[in-house]
Amino acid sequence: MHKLWMSIQKELLLLRRDIGGVIILFAMPLVLIIAVTLIQQSAYERSGDSQLPILIVDNDKGSVSESIFANMNASKAFDLITELDGKKLSEESAKNAVFSGRYQLAIVLPKNLSADLQVKIDQNVEKLLTSFGMEDSIKVKPPTRKISQKDVKLYFDPAVQMSFKNAVMNNIDKMISQIESKSIYDAFSEQLGTDETQHFDQESFIAFKEINPTFGNKEVKPNAVQHNVPAWTLFAMFFIVIPLSINMVKEKTQGTFIRLRTNPVSSAIVIGGKTLTYLIICMIQFYMMIAVGVWVFPLLGLPALNVDANLFMLTIVALFSGLAATGYGILVGTIAKTQEQSAPFGATSVIVLAALGGVWVPVFAMPKFMQYVAQCSPMNWGLNAFYDVFLRNASIADISADIALLFAFFIATTAIALLYDKKKRTV
């Protein structure tokens, strides 16, 4: 035990000699989690006074365009612009303004959209009534003309995301569908010569209601905080690969490792000292991130992180995630021969593991092949365990598989590092 304690003291001494690096190790994830969470929160929960400017060219000037204007203005999420630089918008000017990056979206309503929609509906209603033998034989029928499909043109800035495009197109499609439904009711009323359809309830019969999990008779609503704290905590933990591997390379190049081997100290003691030292650092990082989520985020206008009775479970997940991160750092430090190898490779590999593990992009949004690859990332195992505890009120049994994978990863990387070092010394 004394030898293990002395090994830990040696690691702490190495860290103390690089105070700037230690500060960065703790400060970097805190700055990162605050910045990312603030950005995401403002993106997903737009305030009422933050409106997206949209160019709209109204070539219809009918009931459809009036309804679109009314719905968009009622949402208070859009600032509809019909003039640019003091001139009435045309399709060409709107297109140029969007493609140059000045605006994110332009909507162009075609000519005669309202009139042709009404004619098309009247024709369909008349055909339906005729099939039931309810046509008006006295009424003079205008000659039938073919109505071609109308295109509402949407010009998007090439830099906008696909999710934004889909959301806009779905909203416009919903608005036009509501207009069509009302027009169909009105057409039936006119053809039947009655006003009874004005009493029809035209509000949506089917509505969507989100049901969130409950914990202690309290509804748990997922938010950006609950997603970012575990994700960036894991990222910070695995970033200890850089100082850990650099210190191991220094020991080899400065001859410290050889002097350690000449002493009656086993490799397990040396590795154990490194593991415990950096595991403590990982746990400090974890509790700092939790503290920021609980006390700092509310001061910034963000939702407070709700840990409730889950802190013990979260600590278990953090402990095994820290072991996995430490084992990976030991492996990189053992294989690398120079600091120029360990630092860039360590940083790059951690970023790759984070990308694969779902820290940046959710795994379900990845292509099918990449979803299988993501299951091989230790960050994915840790992230799943954190999400199970944070959002699904999981028990020990529920996260046992992910914890077992993290511990197996630590054992495997440490064993490979010991075998590689032993083989290298015997050659």
Protein backbone atom coordinates (compact mmCIF):
# COMPACT_ATOMS: atom_id res chain seq x y z
CA MET A 1 0.00 0.00 0.00
CA HIS A 2 2.90 2.34 0.78
CA LYS A 3 4.36 1.75 -2.70
CA LEU A 4 0.99 2.48 -4.29
CA TRP A 5 0.67 5.73 -2.32
CA MET A 6 4.18 6.78 -3.37
CA SER A 7 3.26 6.02 -6.99
CA ILE A 8 0.21 8.28 -6.65
CA GLN A 9 2.39 11.02 -5.13
CA LYS A 10 4.73 10.76 -8.11
CA GLU A 11 1.83 11.29 -10.53
CA LEU A 12 0.55 14.25 -8.53
CA LEU A 13 4.03 15.77 -8.58
CA LEU A 14 4.14 15.48 -12.38
CA LEU A 15 0.76 17.18 -12.62
CA ARG A 16 1.81 19.94 -10.21
CA ARG A 17 4.71 20.81 -12.49
CA ASP A 18 2.20 21.64 -15.24
CA ILE A 19 -0.36 23.77 -13.41
CA GLY A 20 -1.47 25.44 -16.65
CA GLY A 21 -2.29 22.09 -18.21
CA VAL A 22 -4.24 21.02 -15.13
CA ILE A 23 -6.26 24.25 -15.16
CA ILE A 24 -7.07 23.74 -18.83
CA LEU A 25 -8.08 20.16 -18.04
CA PHE A 26 -10.76 21.45 -15.65
CA ALA A 27 -11.64 24.80 -17.25
CA MET A 28 -12.00 23.59 -20.85
CA PRO A 29 -14.99 21.28 -20.27
CA LEU A 30 -16.74 23.87 -18.09
CA VAL A 31 -16.47 26.56 -20.76
CA LEU A 32 -17.47 24.07 -23.42
CA ILE A 33 -20.58 22.80 -21.65
CA ILE A 34 -21.81 26.32 -20.82
CA ALA A 35 -21.27 27.61 -24.37
CA VAL A 36 -22.83 24.61 -26.12
CA THR A 37 -25.85 24.47 -23.80
CA LEU A 38 -26.55 28.19 -24.19
CA ILE A 39 -26.36 27.89 -27.97
CA GLN A 40 -28.64 24.86 -28.12
CA GLN A 41 -31.15 26.28 -25.68
CA SER A 42 -31.50 29.48 -27.70
CA ALA A 43 -31.80 27.49 -30.92
CA TYR A 44 -34.52 25.12 -29.73
CA GLU A 45 -36.48 27.49 -27.52
CA ARG A 46 -36.68 30.69 -29.50
CA SER A 47 -38.08 33.57 -27.50
CA GLY A 48 -41.08 35.54 -28.67
CA ASP A 49 -39.04 38.64 -29.52
CA SER A 50 -36.62 36.71 -31.72
CA GLN A 51 -38.20 36.42 -35.15
CA LEU A 52 -36.77 34.85 -38.28
CA PRO A 53 -36.95 37.21 -41.27
CA ILE A 54 -38.56 35.59 -44.31
CA LEU A 55 -38.97 37.06 -47.77
CA ILE A 56 -42.39 36.39 -49.27
CA VAL A 57 -43.51 37.19 -52.82
CA ASP A 58 -47.32 37.24 -53.09
CA ASN A 59 -48.30 36.71 -56.73
CA ASP A 60 -51.67 35.24 -55.64
CA LYS A 61 -53.24 38.05 -53.61
CA GLY A 62 -56.15 35.79 -52.70
CA SER A 63 -57.59 33.88 -49.76
CA VAL A 64 -54.74 31.35 -49.65
CA SER A 65 -52.04 34.02 -49.41
CA GLU A 66 -54.10 35.90 -46.82
CA SER A 67 -54.35 32.77 -44.70
CA ILE A 68 -50.62 32.08 -44.98
CA PHE A 69 -49.83 35.64 -43.93
CA ALA A 70 -52.26 35.42 -41.01
CA ASN A 71 -50.91 32.08 -39.74
CA MET A 72 -47.27 33.14 -39.97
CA ASN A 73 -47.92 36.43 -38.23
CA ALA A 74 -49.92 34.66 -35.51
CA SER A 75 -46.99 32.32 -34.77
CA LYS A 76 -44.80 35.34 -33.87
CA ALA A 77 -41.80 33.33 -35.03
CA PHE A 78 -41.44 34.97 -38.44
CA ASP A 79 -40.90 38.50 -39.70
CA LEU A 80 -42.52 38.58 -43.14
CA ILE A 81 -40.78 40.91 -45.57
CA THR A 82 -42.53 41.94 -48.79
CA GLU A 83 -40.25 44.83 -49.73
CA LEU A 84 -36.49 45.00 -50.04
CA ASP A 85 -34.47 48.20 -50.32
CA GLY A 86 -37.69 50.16 -50.76
CA LYS A 87 -38.87 48.07 -53.74
CA LYS A 88 -41.61 45.48 -53.98
CA LEU A 89 -40.14 41.99 -53.92
CA SER A 90 -40.03 39.97 -57.11
CA GLU A 91 -39.08 36.33 -57.44
CA GLU A 92 -35.71 37.23 -58.92
CA SER A 93 -34.78 39.76 -56.23
CA ALA A 94 -35.91 37.41 -53.45
CA LYS A 95 -33.90 34.54 -54.94
CA ASN A 96 -30.75 36.65 -55.20
CA ALA A 97 -31.12 37.90 -51.62
CA VAL A 98 -31.39 34.34 -50.29
CA PHE A 99 -28.65 32.78 -52.40
CA SER A 100 -26.29 35.60 -51.42
CA GLY A 101 -26.79 34.71 -47.74
CA ARG A 102 -28.67 37.85 -46.65
CA TYR A 103 -31.79 35.83 -45.76
CA GLN A 104 -32.42 32.16 -45.00
CA LEU A 105 -35.73 31.70 -46.83
CA ALA A 106 -37.93 33.15 -49.54
CA ILE A 107 -41.48 31.97 -50.30
CA VAL A 108 -43.00 32.63 -53.73
CA LEU A 109 -46.76 32.12 -54.05
CA PRO A 110 -47.89 31.44 -57.65
CA LYS A 111 -50.47 33.47 -59.55
CA ASN A 112 -54.14 32.47 -59.31
CA LEU A 113 -53.39 30.02 -56.47
CA SER A 114 -56.61 30.82 -54.58
CA ALA A 115 -58.84 31.01 -57.66
CA ASP A 116 -57.55 27.79 -59.24
CA LEU A 117 -57.73 25.95 -55.91
CA GLN A 118 -61.39 26.93 -55.59
CA VAL A 119 -62.13 25.82 -59.17
CA LYS A 120 -60.41 22.48 -58.57
CA ILE A 121 -62.38 21.87 -55.39
CA ASP A 122 -65.67 22.85 -57.07
CA GLN A 123 -64.98 20.39 -59.86
CA ASN A 124 -64.22 17.55 -57.44
CA VAL A 125 -67.31 18.29 -55.31
CA GLU A 126 -69.49 18.43 -58.40
CA LYS A 127 -68.15 15.08 -59.61
CA LEU A 128 -68.84 13.54 -56.22
CA LEU A 129 -72.40 14.87 -56.08
CA THR A 130 -73.02 13.73 -59.66
CA SER A 131 -71.96 10.21 -58.76
CA PHE A 132 -74.70 10.23 -56.10
CA GLY A 133 -77.28 11.66 -58.56
CA MET A 134 -77.46 14.98 -56.71
CA GLU A 135 -76.36 17.29 -59.49
CA ASP A 136 -78.29 20.47 -60.20
CA SER A 137 -79.75 19.98 -63.71
CA ILE A 138 -81.10 23.53 -63.88
CA LYS A 139 -77.85 25.26 -62.97
CA VAL A 140 -75.80 26.32 -65.97
CA LYS A 141 -72.43 24.62 -65.74
CA PRO A 142 -69.35 26.46 -66.93
CA PRO A 143 -67.09 24.60 -69.32
CA THR A 144 -64.67 22.32 -67.44
CA ARG A 145 -61.05 23.41 -67.66
CA LYS A 146 -58.03 21.44 -66.55
CA ILE A 147 -56.29 22.88 -63.50
CA SER A 148 -52.57 22.20 -63.42
CA GLN A 149 -50.63 21.68 -60.20
CA LYS A 150 -49.50 24.83 -58.42
CA ASP A 151 -45.98 25.08 -57.01
CA VAL A 152 -45.22 27.20 -53.96
CA LYS A 153 -41.54 27.90 -54.51
CA LEU A 154 -39.18 27.88 -51.54
CA TYR A 155 -35.71 29.35 -51.88
CA PHE A 156 -33.38 28.31 -49.03
CA ASP A 157 -29.97 29.63 -48.17
CA PRO A 158 -27.58 26.74 -49.03
CA ALA A 159 -26.11 27.03 -45.52
CA VAL A 160 -29.33 26.20 -43.62
CA GLN A 161 -29.82 22.75 -42.15
CA MET A 162 -32.14 20.12 -43.59
CA SER A 163 -34.19 20.04 -40.36
CA PHE A 164 -35.06 23.72 -40.87
CA LYS A 165 -36.13 23.06 -44.46
CA ASN A 166 -38.35 20.15 -43.44
CA ALA A 167 -39.96 22.15 -40.63
CA VAL A 168 -40.82 25.07 -42.93
CA MET A 169 -42.21 22.82 -45.68
CA ASN A 170 -44.33 20.86 -43.18
CA ASN A 171 -45.77 24.04 -41.69
CA ILE A 172 -46.70 25.48 -45.09
CA ASP A 173 -48.20 22.17 -46.17
CA LYS A 174 -50.29 22.06 -42.99
CA MET A 175 -51.57 25.61 -43.54
CA ILE A 176 -52.57 24.91 -47.14
CA SER A 177 -54.27 21.64 -46.11
CA GLN A 178 -56.39 23.57 -43.60
CA ILE A 179 -57.34 26.05 -46.31
CA GLU A 180 -58.31 23.19 -48.65
CA SER A 181 -60.45 21.56 -45.97
CA LYS A 182 -62.35 24.80 -45.33
CA SER A 183 -62.82 25.35 -49.07
CA ILE A 184 -64.26 21.85 -49.45
CA TYR A 185 -66.79 22.50 -46.69
CA ASP A 186 -67.78 25.78 -48.33
CA ALA A 187 -68.09 24.13 -51.77
CA PHE A 188 -70.44 21.45 -50.43
CA SER A 189 -72.50 24.13 -48.73
CA GLU A 190 -72.84 26.06 -51.97
CA GLN A 191 -73.67 23.02 -54.08
CA LEU A 192 -76.28 21.79 -51.60
CA GLY A 193 -77.77 25.25 -51.24
CA THR A 194 -77.54 25.24 -47.44
CA ASP A 195 -75.54 26.99 -44.79
CA GLU A 196 -75.51 24.03 -42.37
CA THR A 197 -71.78 23.48 -42.95
CA GLN A 198 -71.02 26.67 -41.08
CA HIS A 199 -71.87 24.72 -37.93
CA PHE A 200 -69.32 22.01 -38.71
CA ASP A 201 -66.39 21.89 -36.30
CA GLN A 202 -63.39 22.39 -38.56
CA GLU A 203 -60.77 22.24 -35.82
CA SER A 204 -58.37 19.30 -35.85
CA PHE A 205 -59.93 16.22 -34.26
CA ILE A 206 -56.58 14.48 -33.73
CA ALA A 207 -54.01 16.26 -31.57
CA PHE A 208 -50.58 15.31 -30.28
CA LYS A 209 -49.86 15.16 -26.56
CA GLU A 210 -46.36 14.46 -25.31
CA ILE A 211 -46.20 12.09 -22.32
CA ASN A 212 -42.99 12.44 -20.31
CA PRO A 213 -41.70 9.97 -17.71
CA THR A 214 -42.45 10.72 -14.06
CA PHE A 215 -40.23 10.39 -11.02
CA GLY A 216 -41.67 10.79 -7.56
CA ASN A 217 -45.02 12.04 -8.95
CA LYS A 218 -43.09 14.73 -10.81
CA GLU A 219 -42.91 14.91 -14.59
CA VAL A 220 -39.39 14.79 -15.98
CA LYS A 221 -39.10 16.94 -19.10
CA PRO A 222 -35.96 16.34 -21.20
CA ASN A 223 -33.96 19.46 -22.04
CA ALA A 224 -30.61 20.51 -23.45
CA VAL A 225 -29.02 20.48 -19.98
CA GLN A 226 -29.76 16.80 -19.36
CA HIS A 227 -28.26 15.91 -22.71
CA ASN A 228 -25.17 18.12 -22.59
CA VAL A 229 -23.96 17.49 -19.04
CA PRO A 230 -23.37 13.73 -19.49
CA ALA A 231 -22.14 14.11 -23.07
CA TRP A 232 -19.48 16.73 -22.36
CA THR A 233 -18.55 15.12 -19.03
CA LEU A 234 -17.55 12.01 -20.96
CA PHE A 235 -15.69 14.13 -23.49
CA ALA A 236 -13.74 15.83 -20.68
CA MET A 237 -12.95 12.52 -19.00
CA PHE A 238 -11.50 10.96 -22.13
CA PHE A 239 -9.43 14.07 -22.79
CA ILE A 240 -7.17 13.11 -19.87
CA VAL A 241 -5.54 10.83 -22.44
CA ILE A 242 -3.40 13.83 -23.43
CA PRO A 243 -1.69 14.66 -20.07
CA LEU A 244 -1.58 10.98 -19.07
CA SER A 245 0.08 9.81 -22.28
CA ILE A 246 2.45 12.79 -22.36
CA ASN A 247 3.65 12.09 -18.81
CA MET A 248 4.20 8.43 -19.66
CA VAL A 249 6.25 9.39 -22.71
CA LYS A 250 8.28 11.80 -20.57
CA GLU A 251 9.07 9.00 -18.13
CA LYS A 252 10.39 6.86 -20.97
CA THR A 253 12.45 9.59 -22.67
CA GLN A 254 13.92 10.97 -19.41
CA GLY A 255 14.84 7.56 -18.05
CA THR A 256 12.43 7.73 -15.10
CA PHE A 257 10.64 4.59 -16.18
CA ILE A 258 13.91 2.61 -16.28
CA ARG A 259 14.77 3.73 -12.74
CA LEU A 260 11.31 2.64 -11.60
CA ARG A 261 11.86 -0.78 -13.13
CA THR A 262 15.18 -1.21 -11.27
CA ASN A 263 13.33 -0.75 -7.96
CA PRO A 264 11.34 -3.59 -6.37
CA VAL A 265 8.10 -2.21 -7.75
CA SER A 266 5.76 -4.24 -9.94
CA SER A 267 4.14 -2.91 -13.09
CA ALA A 268 0.76 -3.28 -11.40
CA ILE A 269 1.80 -0.77 -8.73
CA VAL A 270 2.97 1.75 -11.33
CA ILE A 271 -0.18 1.34 -13.43
CA GLY A 272 -2.33 1.39 -10.28
CA GLY A 273 -0.85 4.72 -9.21
CA LYS A 274 -1.60 6.26 -12.59
CA THR A 275 -5.10 4.79 -12.67
CA LEU A 276 -6.11 6.04 -9.24
CA THR A 277 -4.61 9.50 -9.80
CA TYR A 278 -6.37 10.14 -13.08
CA LEU A 279 -9.55 8.46 -11.89
CA ILE A 280 -9.68 11.04 -9.10
CA ILE A 281 -9.28 13.77 -11.73
CA CYS A 282 -12.14 12.29 -13.74
CA MET A 283 -14.41 12.24 -10.70
CA ILE A 284 -13.52 15.86 -9.88
CA GLN A 285 -14.43 16.78 -13.47
CA PHE A 286 -17.72 14.92 -13.10
CA TYR A 287 -18.74 16.66 -9.86
CA MET A 288 -17.71 20.04 -11.28
CA MET A 289 -19.96 19.50 -14.29
CA ILE A 290 -22.83 18.43 -12.01
CA ALA A 291 -22.29 21.54 -9.87
CA VAL A 292 -22.39 23.77 -12.95
CA GLY A 293 -25.63 22.14 -14.07
CA VAL A 294 -27.28 22.48 -10.67
CA TRP A 295 -26.16 25.96 -9.56
CA VAL A 296 -24.62 27.89 -12.49
CA PHE A 297 -27.09 27.11 -15.29
CA PRO A 298 -30.10 28.67 -13.48
CA LEU A 299 -28.10 31.90 -13.13
CA LEU A 300 -27.70 31.93 -16.93
CA GLY A 301 -31.41 31.43 -17.57
CA LEU A 302 -31.04 27.72 -18.32
CA PRO A 303 -33.00 24.87 -16.69
CA ALA A 304 -31.33 23.48 -13.58
CA LEU A 305 -29.94 19.98 -13.80
CA ASN A 306 -32.24 17.64 -11.89
CA VAL A 307 -30.25 14.91 -10.12
CA ASP A 308 -32.73 14.18 -7.28
CA ALA A 309 -31.99 10.71 -5.92
CA ASN A 310 -29.85 9.73 -8.92
CA LEU A 311 -26.51 11.11 -7.73
CA PHE A 312 -25.32 7.73 -6.43
CA MET A 313 -26.20 6.02 -9.72
CA LEU A 314 -24.56 8.82 -11.69
CA THR A 315 -21.42 8.44 -9.58
CA ILE A 316 -21.25 4.75 -10.44
CA VAL A 317 -21.51 5.49 -14.16
CA ALA A 318 -18.87 8.24 -13.86
CA LEU A 319 -16.55 5.90 -11.95
CA PHE A 320 -16.56 3.21 -14.64
CA SER A 321 -16.40 5.82 -17.43
CA GLY A 322 -13.33 7.29 -15.71
CA LEU A 323 -11.73 3.83 -15.57
CA ALA A 324 -12.33 3.39 -19.31
CA ALA A 325 -10.81 6.81 -20.05
CA THR A 326 -7.79 6.08 -17.85
CA GLY A 327 -7.22 2.69 -19.44
CA TYR A 328 -7.28 4.26 -22.89
CA GLY A 329 -4.77 6.93 -21.80
CA ILE A 330 -2.41 4.27 -20.42
CA LEU A 331 -2.60 2.34 -23.69
CA VAL A 332 -1.79 5.44 -25.81
CA GLY A 333 1.05 6.45 -23.46
CA THR A 334 2.54 2.96 -23.58
CA ILE A 335 2.51 2.64 -27.38
CA ALA A 336 3.55 6.23 -28.23
CA LYS A 337 7.30 6.85 -28.45
CA THR A 338 7.28 10.66 -28.50
CA GLN A 339 5.06 13.47 -27.25
CA GLU A 340 4.49 14.46 -30.87
CA GLN A 341 2.84 11.07 -31.34
CA SER A 342 0.84 10.86 -28.12
CA ALA A 343 -0.74 14.34 -28.00
CA PRO A 344 -2.11 14.60 -31.59
CA PHE A 345 -3.19 10.97 -31.72
CA GLY A 346 -4.82 11.16 -28.30
CA ALA A 347 -6.76 14.33 -29.10
CA THR A 348 -7.84 13.15 -32.55
CA SER A 349 -8.90 9.70 -31.36
CA VAL A 350 -10.97 11.18 -28.53
CA ILE A 351 -12.78 13.46 -31.00
CA VAL A 352 -13.47 10.45 -33.25
CA LEU A 353 -14.77 8.40 -30.32
CA ALA A 354 -16.99 11.32 -29.30
CA ALA A 355 -18.39 11.69 -32.80
CA LEU A 356 -19.06 7.96 -33.06
CA GLY A 357 -20.44 7.76 -29.53
CA GLY A 358 -23.23 10.28 -30.03
CA VAL A 359 -21.74 13.25 -28.17
CA TRP A 360 -22.20 15.58 -31.15
CA VAL A 361 -24.78 13.83 -33.33
CA PRO A 362 -27.41 11.47 -31.87
CA VAL A 363 -26.78 7.85 -32.82
CA PHE A 364 -30.32 7.42 -34.17
CA ALA A 365 -29.65 10.21 -36.71
CA MET A 366 -26.62 8.39 -38.14
CA PRO A 367 -26.72 6.08 -41.18
CA LYS A 368 -27.51 2.46 -40.37
CA PHE A 369 -23.91 1.30 -40.78
CA MET A 370 -22.60 4.06 -38.50
CA GLN A 371 -25.14 3.09 -35.84
CA TYR A 372 -23.48 -0.32 -35.64
CA VAL A 373 -20.03 1.30 -35.53
CA ALA A 374 -21.18 3.65 -32.72
CA GLN A 375 -21.87 0.64 -30.51
CA CYS A 376 -18.11 0.00 -30.41
CA SER A 377 -17.32 3.39 -28.85
CA PRO A 378 -16.83 3.46 -25.05
CA MET A 379 -18.32 6.96 -25.04
CA ASN A 380 -21.53 5.47 -26.43
CA TRP A 381 -21.69 2.97 -23.56
CA GLY A 382 -21.12 5.69 -20.98
CA LEU A 383 -23.57 8.06 -22.66
CA ASN A 384 -26.29 5.40 -22.78
CA ALA A 385 -25.78 4.68 -19.08
CA PHE A 386 -25.94 8.39 -18.20
CA TYR A 387 -29.10 8.86 -20.28
CA ASP A 388 -30.71 5.82 -18.65
CA VAL A 389 -30.12 7.33 -15.21
CA PHE A 390 -30.92 10.95 -16.10
CA LEU A 391 -33.95 10.43 -18.31
CA ARG A 392 -35.25 6.90 -17.72
CA ASN A 393 -34.79 6.45 -13.95
CA ALA A 394 -32.81 3.27 -14.55
CA SER A 395 -31.69 0.88 -11.84
CA ILE A 396 -28.33 -0.83 -11.42
CA ALA A 397 -29.62 -3.81 -13.36
CA ASP A 398 -30.66 -1.59 -16.27
CA ILE A 399 -27.17 -0.09 -16.70
CA SER A 400 -25.20 -3.20 -15.77
CA ALA A 401 -24.49 -4.07 -19.42
CA ASP A 402 -22.99 -0.65 -20.23
CA ILE A 403 -20.99 -0.64 -16.98
CA ALA A 404 -19.66 -4.11 -17.76
CA LEU A 405 -18.54 -2.95 -21.21
CA LEU A 406 -16.76 0.08 -19.74
CA PHE A 407 -14.96 -2.07 -17.16
CA ALA A 408 -14.05 -4.65 -19.81
CA PHE A 409 -12.63 -1.84 -21.95
CA PHE A 410 -10.47 -0.70 -19.01
CA ILE A 411 -9.22 -4.25 -18.38
CA ALA A 412 -8.52 -4.86 -22.07
CA THR A 413 -6.63 -1.60 -22.69
CA THR A 414 -4.58 -1.97 -19.49
CA ALA A 415 -3.74 -5.60 -20.27
CA ILE A 416 -2.70 -4.73 -23.82
CA ALA A 417 -0.50 -1.92 -22.49
CA LEU A 418 1.21 -4.27 -19.98
CA LEU A 419 1.75 -7.00 -22.58
CA TYR A 420 3.11 -4.50 -25.11
CA ASP A 421 5.51 -3.03 -22.56
CA LYS A 422 6.67 -6.49 -21.45
CA LYS A 423 7.26 -7.63 -25.03
CA LYS A 424 9.12 -4.45 -25.89
CA ARG A 425 11.47 -4.88 -22.90
CA THR A 426 12.21 -8.51 -23.70
CA VAL A 427 13.16 -7.90 -27.33
